[in-house]
């Protein structure tokens, strides 16, 4: 099955689009995606392959997760999501552990954002969240992003406590990609849980928050209120 899939990947490859994607995902020296390689395949095309091949053996899925090509890693992660959501509790625990064991391969914001809440967040819903604090303290950018994005599952279920706790821990993060992620999750707290809760957090930490984080967090506010926060 893996060889058939890889033939389809190569048939869909688009060198011109691959070059554009390499620039978009900052693959140059010293950038966050340094060294990543692209085939030039769109996300909808990848999702179509997932729909066709999601029942492939786990060993082949994990082999693809080690691929040098971004789209093949994305495919593998989306397959893991499908296997997780269709699996029993034993299968879910195995996939959760495999996900965290392979964080070095989950090394781009899109790979994290499309999967962290659906695997990590879902699995931890009725369990201790201590692992999220450990990830949030990691030196690895993507593990920190997994931590905050995993709480999106909580937000979607009208629970904001973990998001706010991790946002506080991540206030001093130096990475712009983390400022955006934390701000995004704060915005979702206001949208899906309670704007009042979000504003309590903002009023407490507005002067400590990176400006990008603040801008993302208040993006949905009325203009007058948004300008008020920006003036602080």
Protein backbone atom coordinates (compact mmCIF):
# COMPACT_ATOMS: atom_id res chain seq x y z
CA UNK A 1 0.00 0.00 0.00
CA UNK A 2 2.85 2.39 0.82
CA UNK A 3 4.43 2.07 -2.62
CA UNK A 4 1.10 2.73 -4.34
CA UNK A 5 0.60 5.81 -2.20
CA UNK A 6 4.07 7.15 -2.91
CA UNK A 7 3.44 6.76 -6.65
CA UNK A 8 0.35 8.92 -6.22
CA UNK A 9 2.34 11.49 -4.28
CA UNK A 10 4.94 11.70 -7.03
CA UNK A 11 2.25 11.95 -9.71
CA UNK A 12 0.72 14.95 -7.89
CA UNK A 13 4.06 16.66 -7.26
CA UNK A 14 4.34 20.20 -8.59
CA UNK A 15 7.90 21.65 -8.57
CA UNK A 16 6.70 25.25 -9.05
CA UNK A 17 4.29 24.99 -6.12
CA UNK A 18 6.97 23.23 -4.07
CA UNK A 19 9.23 26.25 -4.47
CA UNK A 20 6.44 28.59 -3.36
CA UNK A 21 5.69 26.42 -0.33
CA UNK A 22 9.36 26.29 0.63
CA UNK A 23 9.33 30.07 0.82
CA UNK A 24 6.00 30.26 2.62
CA UNK A 25 7.11 27.82 5.31
CA UNK A 26 10.43 29.60 5.85
CA UNK A 27 12.84 26.80 4.92
CA UNK A 28 15.93 28.99 4.49
CA UNK A 29 19.00 28.84 6.69
CA UNK A 30 18.24 30.01 10.21
CA UNK A 31 14.48 30.09 9.64
CA UNK A 32 11.98 27.99 11.58
CA UNK A 33 11.48 25.49 8.73
CA UNK A 34 15.14 25.23 7.76
CA UNK A 35 15.80 22.27 5.49
CA UNK A 36 12.21 21.14 5.05
CA UNK A 37 11.38 19.79 1.59
CA UNK A 38 8.12 19.99 -0.37
CA UNK A 39 6.52 18.04 -3.20
CA UNK A 40 4.14 20.85 -4.07
CA UNK A 41 0.92 19.06 -3.12
CA UNK A 42 -2.10 20.95 -1.75
CA UNK A 43 -3.81 20.15 1.55
CA UNK A 44 -7.07 19.14 -0.21
CA UNK A 45 -5.08 16.72 -2.38
CA UNK A 46 -3.43 15.31 0.74
CA UNK A 47 -6.79 14.94 2.48
CA UNK A 48 -8.13 13.05 -0.53
CA UNK A 49 -5.25 10.58 -0.22
CA UNK A 50 -5.92 10.23 3.51
CA UNK A 51 -9.54 9.32 2.77
CA UNK A 52 -8.33 6.63 0.37
CA UNK A 53 -5.45 5.21 2.39
CA UNK A 54 -6.18 5.86 6.09
CA UNK A 55 -6.45 2.14 6.84
CA UNK A 56 -2.85 1.54 5.81
CA UNK A 57 -0.74 -0.41 8.37
CA UNK A 58 0.58 1.59 11.30
CA UNK A 59 4.17 0.64 10.46
CA UNK A 60 3.83 2.24 7.01
CA UNK A 61 2.16 5.32 8.51
CA UNK A 62 5.08 5.79 10.88
CA UNK A 63 7.54 5.26 8.03
CA UNK A 64 5.91 8.17 6.20
CA UNK A 65 6.07 10.27 9.35
CA UNK A 66 9.86 10.04 9.05
CA UNK A 67 9.77 11.37 5.47
CA UNK A 68 11.88 14.34 4.41
CA UNK A 69 8.85 15.66 2.55
CA UNK A 70 6.44 17.90 4.41
CA UNK A 71 3.32 16.63 2.64
CA UNK A 72 4.11 13.00 3.46
CA UNK A 73 4.51 13.87 7.15
CA UNK A 74 1.22 15.77 7.02
CA UNK A 75 -0.43 12.76 5.40
CA UNK A 76 0.89 10.45 8.12
CA UNK A 77 -0.34 12.75 10.88
CA UNK A 78 -3.80 13.07 9.34
CA UNK A 79 -3.94 9.28 9.05
CA UNK A 80 -3.08 9.06 12.74
CA UNK A 81 -5.98 11.41 13.47
CA UNK A 82 -8.33 9.14 11.50
CA UNK A 83 -7.03 6.02 13.20
CA UNK A 84 -7.35 7.74 16.58
CA UNK A 85 -10.91 8.93 16.04
CA UNK A 86 -12.06 5.55 14.74
CA UNK A 87 -10.10 3.50 17.28
CA UNK A 88 -10.92 2.06 20.70
CA UNK A 89 -9.35 3.29 23.92
CA UNK A 90 -6.32 1.01 23.58
CA UNK A 91 -5.66 2.24 20.02
CA UNK A 92 -6.08 5.86 21.11
CA UNK A 93 -3.58 5.50 23.92
CA UNK A 94 -1.07 3.95 21.53
CA UNK A 95 -1.49 6.77 18.99
CA UNK A 96 -1.24 9.44 21.69
CA UNK A 97 2.07 7.97 22.85
CA UNK A 98 3.37 7.61 19.28
CA UNK A 99 2.46 11.24 18.57
CA UNK A 100 4.47 12.52 21.53
CA UNK A 101 7.33 10.15 20.76
CA UNK A 102 7.63 11.65 17.26
CA UNK A 103 7.42 15.38 17.96
CA UNK A 104 10.69 15.94 16.07
CA UNK A 105 8.76 15.09 12.91
CA UNK A 106 5.81 17.34 13.82
CA UNK A 107 8.01 20.30 12.99
CA UNK A 108 5.85 22.96 11.38
CA UNK A 109 2.91 25.06 12.52
CA UNK A 110 0.44 23.43 10.13
CA UNK A 111 1.42 19.92 11.21
CA UNK A 112 0.76 20.92 14.82
CA UNK A 113 -2.37 22.96 14.23
CA UNK A 114 -4.21 20.28 12.25
CA UNK A 115 -3.59 17.49 14.74
CA UNK A 116 -2.66 18.49 18.32
CA UNK A 117 -6.15 19.12 19.65
CA UNK A 118 -7.61 16.09 17.87
CA UNK A 119 -5.10 13.65 19.37
CA UNK A 120 -3.36 15.16 22.40
CA UNK A 121 -6.21 17.41 23.50
CA UNK A 122 -8.84 14.72 23.02
CA UNK A 123 -6.83 12.03 24.81
CA UNK A 124 -6.16 14.24 27.83
CA UNK A 125 -9.76 15.45 28.13
CA UNK A 126 -10.47 13.32 31.21
CA UNK A 127 -6.87 12.94 32.39
CA UNK A 128 -4.11 14.93 34.07
CA UNK A 129 -2.85 17.78 31.90
CA UNK A 130 0.62 17.81 33.49
CA UNK A 131 2.25 16.69 30.24
CA UNK A 132 1.07 19.94 28.63
CA UNK A 133 3.01 22.00 31.16
CA UNK A 134 6.07 19.86 30.46
CA UNK A 135 5.69 20.44 26.72
CA UNK A 136 5.12 24.16 27.29
CA UNK A 137 8.49 24.28 29.04
CA UNK A 138 10.32 22.51 26.21
CA UNK A 139 13.22 24.11 24.37
CA UNK A 140 11.63 22.84 21.15
CA UNK A 141 9.28 25.38 19.58
CA UNK A 142 6.94 22.75 18.13
CA UNK A 143 6.45 20.99 21.46
CA UNK A 144 5.45 24.29 23.03
CA UNK A 145 3.02 24.89 20.18
CA UNK A 146 1.58 21.38 20.61
CA UNK A 147 0.92 22.23 24.27
CA UNK A 148 -1.11 25.37 23.63
CA UNK A 149 -2.89 24.00 20.53
CA UNK A 150 -3.89 20.85 22.40
CA UNK A 151 -6.06 23.08 24.59
CA UNK A 152 -8.17 23.96 21.56
CA UNK A 153 -10.05 20.74 22.34
CA UNK A 154 -10.86 22.13 25.78
CA UNK A 155 -11.96 25.45 24.31
CA UNK A 156 -14.26 23.69 21.84
CA UNK A 157 -15.91 22.10 24.85
CA UNK A 158 -16.32 25.44 26.65
CA UNK A 159 -13.43 24.94 29.05
CA UNK A 160 -10.80 27.68 29.25
CA UNK A 161 -8.80 26.87 32.39
CA UNK A 162 -5.93 25.02 30.70
CA UNK A 163 -5.58 27.54 27.90
CA UNK A 164 -5.33 30.43 30.33
CA UNK A 165 -2.85 28.58 32.56
CA UNK A 166 -0.57 27.73 29.64
CA UNK A 167 -0.94 31.21 28.15
CA UNK A 168 0.37 32.62 31.42
CA UNK A 169 3.33 30.23 31.32
CA UNK A 170 4.09 31.19 27.71
CA UNK A 171 3.89 34.97 28.09
CA UNK A 172 7.66 35.32 27.93
CA UNK A 173 8.17 32.98 24.97
CA UNK A 174 10.58 34.53 22.46
CA UNK A 175 9.15 32.99 19.28
CA UNK A 176 6.73 34.92 17.08
CA UNK A 177 5.00 31.67 16.10
CA UNK A 178 4.20 31.13 19.76
CA UNK A 179 2.94 34.69 20.20
CA UNK A 180 0.52 34.03 17.34
CA UNK A 181 -0.55 30.63 18.68
CA UNK A 182 -1.20 31.86 22.22
CA UNK A 183 -3.02 34.96 20.96
CA UNK A 184 -5.16 32.79 18.70
CA UNK A 185 -6.14 30.49 21.58
CA UNK A 186 -6.96 33.48 23.80
CA UNK A 187 -9.16 34.84 21.01
CA UNK A 188 -10.93 31.47 20.83
CA UNK A 189 -11.51 31.54 24.59
CA UNK A 190 -13.31 34.84 24.12
CA UNK A 191 -15.25 33.54 21.12
CA UNK A 192 -16.25 30.07 22.35
CA UNK A 193 -16.10 30.25 26.15
CA UNK A 194 -16.36 33.73 27.63
CA UNK A 195 -15.10 37.11 26.48
CA UNK A 196 -15.25 38.19 30.13
CA UNK A 197 -12.76 35.43 31.05
CA UNK A 198 -10.48 36.46 28.22
CA UNK A 199 -10.59 40.09 29.31
CA UNK A 200 -9.78 39.25 32.92
CA UNK A 201 -6.62 37.59 31.60
CA UNK A 202 -5.84 40.47 29.25
CA UNK A 203 -6.26 43.15 31.89
CA UNK A 204 -3.91 41.27 34.18
CA UNK A 205 -1.18 40.64 31.62
CA UNK A 206 -1.64 43.19 28.82
CA UNK A 207 1.55 45.06 29.68
CA UNK A 208 3.60 41.85 29.70
CA UNK A 209 2.18 40.34 26.52
CA UNK A 210 4.11 40.53 23.25
CA UNK A 211 2.27 42.87 20.90
CA UNK A 212 1.63 40.15 18.32
CA UNK A 213 0.01 37.98 20.99
CA UNK A 214 -2.19 40.87 22.06
CA UNK A 215 -3.20 41.74 18.50
CA UNK A 216 -4.27 38.17 17.80
CA UNK A 217 -6.14 37.95 21.11
CA UNK A 218 -8.23 41.08 20.53
CA UNK A 219 -8.80 40.66 16.81
CA UNK A 220 -12.55 40.09 17.20
CA UNK A 221 -13.16 42.93 19.67
CA UNK A 222 -15.09 46.03 18.71
CA UNK A 223 -12.75 48.67 17.31
CA UNK A 224 -13.02 51.03 20.27
CA UNK A 225 -12.22 48.31 22.78
CA UNK A 226 -9.43 46.94 20.57
CA UNK A 227 -7.80 50.36 20.34
CA UNK A 228 -8.13 50.72 24.09
CA UNK A 229 -6.06 47.61 24.68
CA UNK A 230 -3.51 48.62 22.07
CA UNK A 231 -3.02 51.97 23.80
CA UNK A 232 -2.07 50.36 27.14
